[in-house]
Amino acid sequence: MYTMLTMASTEERFVQATNYWDLETLYTDIASAKGKRLTPVEKLHLRGLLCGYSPAEIAERLNKSNCSHSPTKKELGSNRD
């Protein structure tokens, strides 16, 4: 049930993009170029960009940190498992 709520809330973000863009066609065209379907998060970020938000503004609105990547043990310099 939590997943359904999360998915619904991502679809409700940046909905003003639907006023200016044919999102389903855009999603289909990008998926064709990409070779696979867009994830819900990719769609969310795309809608944010289409609304004129920068990646930093999108992260802020979604309460995400600017770092989208957690370092691996190798990147941290740990040789232990």
C-alpha atoms as a PDB file:
ATOM      1  CA  MET A   1       0.000   0.000   0.000  1.00  0.00           C
ATOM      2  CA  TYR A   2       2.912   2.370   0.751  1.00  0.00           C
ATOM      3  CA  THR A   3       4.224   1.933  -2.793  1.00  0.00           C
ATOM      4  CA  MET A   4       0.847   2.884  -4.238  1.00  0.00           C
ATOM      5  CA  LEU A   5       0.746   6.050  -2.141  1.00  0.00           C
ATOM      6  CA  THR A   6       4.271   6.973  -3.159  1.00  0.00           C
ATOM      7  CA  MET A   7       3.527   6.375  -6.830  1.00  0.00           C
ATOM      8  CA  ALA A   8       0.331   8.436  -6.635  1.00  0.00           C
ATOM      9  CA  SER A   9       2.148  11.291  -4.958  1.00  0.00           C
ATOM     10  CA  THR A  10       4.860  11.308  -7.659  1.00  0.00           C
ATOM     11  CA  GLU A  11       2.194  11.511 -10.355  1.00  0.00           C
ATOM     12  CA  GLU A  12       0.650  14.518  -8.596  1.00  0.00           C
ATOM     13  CA  ARG A  13       3.910  16.518  -8.539  1.00  0.00           C
ATOM     14  CA  PHE A  14       4.543  19.144 -11.213  1.00  0.00           C
ATOM     15  CA  VAL A  15       1.114  18.471 -12.766  1.00  0.00           C
ATOM     16  CA  GLN A  16       1.076  21.946 -14.347  1.00  0.00           C
ATOM     17  CA  ALA A  17       3.282  20.424 -17.080  1.00  0.00           C
ATOM     18  CA  THR A  18       0.138  18.697 -18.392  1.00  0.00           C
ATOM     19  CA  ASN A  19      -1.274  22.117 -19.293  1.00  0.00           C
ATOM     20  CA  TYR A  20       1.474  22.749 -21.823  1.00  0.00           C
ATOM     21  CA  TRP A  21       2.842  19.363 -22.872  1.00  0.00           C
ATOM     22  CA  ASP A  22       1.445  16.101 -24.247  1.00  0.00           C
ATOM     23  CA  LEU A  23       3.241  14.088 -21.599  1.00  0.00           C
ATOM     24  CA  GLU A  24       2.200  10.626 -22.725  1.00  0.00           C
ATOM     25  CA  THR A  25       3.532  11.260 -26.237  1.00  0.00           C
ATOM     26  CA  LEU A  26       6.701  12.763 -24.800  1.00  0.00           C
ATOM     27  CA  TYR A  27       7.195   9.799 -22.447  1.00  0.00           C
ATOM     28  CA  THR A  28       6.692   7.402 -25.374  1.00  0.00           C
ATOM     29  CA  ASP A  29       9.138   9.266 -27.615  1.00  0.00           C
ATOM     30  CA  ILE A  30      11.814   9.416 -24.925  1.00  0.00           C
ATOM     31  CA  ALA A  31      11.284   5.747 -24.060  1.00  0.00           C
ATOM     32  CA  SER A  32      11.742   4.875 -27.731  1.00  0.00           C
ATOM     33  CA  ALA A  33      15.029   6.783 -27.875  1.00  0.00           C
ATOM     34  CA  LYS A  34      16.143   5.356 -24.534  1.00  0.00           C
ATOM     35  CA  GLY A  35      15.192   1.799 -25.412  1.00  0.00           C
ATOM     36  CA  LYS A  36      13.060   1.259 -22.311  1.00  0.00           C
ATOM     37  CA  ARG A  37      10.212   2.882 -20.418  1.00  0.00           C
ATOM     38  CA  LEU A  38      10.764   5.858 -18.164  1.00  0.00           C
ATOM     39  CA  THR A  39      10.587   5.177 -14.456  1.00  0.00           C
ATOM     40  CA  PRO A  40       8.121   7.135 -12.293  1.00  0.00           C
ATOM     41  CA  VAL A  41      11.059   9.130 -10.891  1.00  0.00           C
ATOM     42  CA  GLU A  42      12.332   9.975 -14.375  1.00  0.00           C
ATOM     43  CA  LYS A  43       8.838  11.137 -15.345  1.00  0.00           C
ATOM     44  CA  LEU A  44       8.651  13.240 -12.186  1.00  0.00           C
ATOM     45  CA  HIS A  45      11.991  14.910 -12.855  1.00  0.00           C
ATOM     46  CA  LEU A  46      11.092  15.503 -16.500  1.00  0.00           C
ATOM     47  CA  ARG A  47       7.837  17.207 -15.480  1.00  0.00           C
ATOM     48  CA  GLY A  48       9.813  19.412 -13.115  1.00  0.00           C
ATOM     49  CA  LEU A  49      12.186  20.403 -15.914  1.00  0.00           C
ATOM     50  CA  LEU A  50       9.281  21.095 -18.253  1.00  0.00           C
ATOM     51  CA  CYS A  51       7.816  23.400 -15.608  1.00  0.00           C
ATOM     52  CA  GLY A  52      11.015  25.428 -15.719  1.00  0.00           C
ATOM     53  CA  TYR A  53      12.648  24.205 -12.521  1.00  0.00           C
ATOM     54  CA  SER A  54      16.386  23.570 -12.382  1.00  0.00           C
ATOM     55  CA  PRO A  55      17.621  20.189 -11.111  1.00  0.00           C
ATOM     56  CA  ALA A  56      18.564  21.889  -7.811  1.00  0.00           C
ATOM     57  CA  GLU A  57      15.075  23.399  -7.499  1.00  0.00           C
ATOM     58  CA  ILE A  58      13.467  20.045  -8.255  1.00  0.00           C
ATOM     59  CA  ALA A  59      15.598  18.387  -5.567  1.00  0.00           C
ATOM     60  CA  GLU A  60      14.638  21.109  -3.110  1.00  0.00           C
ATOM     61  CA  ARG A  61      10.930  20.770  -3.879  1.00  0.00           C
ATOM     62  CA  LEU A  62      11.180  16.998  -3.475  1.00  0.00           C
ATOM     63  CA  ASN A  63      13.166  17.376  -0.237  1.00  0.00           C
ATOM     64  CA  LYS A  64      16.166  15.566  -1.703  1.00  0.00           C
ATOM     65  CA  SER A  65      19.777  16.358  -1.020  1.00  0.00           C
ATOM     66  CA  ASN A  66      21.954  17.649  -3.835  1.00  0.00           C
ATOM     67  CA  CYS A  67      23.947  14.424  -3.742  1.00  0.00           C
ATOM     68  CA  SER A  68      22.110  11.783  -5.743  1.00  0.00           C
ATOM     69  CA  HIS A  69      24.750   9.162  -5.197  1.00  0.00           C
ATOM     70  CA  SER A  70      25.959   7.249  -2.157  1.00  0.00           C
ATOM     71  CA  PRO A  71      29.671   6.483  -2.273  1.00  0.00           C
ATOM     72  CA  THR A  72      30.732   2.867  -2.579  1.00  0.00           C
ATOM     73  CA  LYS A  73      33.282   1.222  -0.298  1.00  0.00           C
ATOM     74  CA  LYS A  74      35.837   1.511  -3.098  1.00  0.00           C
ATOM     75  CA  GLU A  75      35.172   5.256  -3.454  1.00  0.00           C
ATOM     76  CA  LEU A  76      35.560   5.663   0.307  1.00  0.00           C
ATOM     77  CA  GLY A  77      38.908   3.878   0.146  1.00  0.00           C
ATOM     78  CA  SER A  78      37.844   0.821   2.106  1.00  0.00           C
ATOM     79  CA  ASN A  79      39.510  -2.409   1.046  1.00  0.00           C
ATOM     80  CA  ARG A  80      37.477  -4.478   3.491  1.00  0.00           C
ATOM     81  CA  ASP A  81      34.206  -6.205   2.626  1.00  0.00           C
END
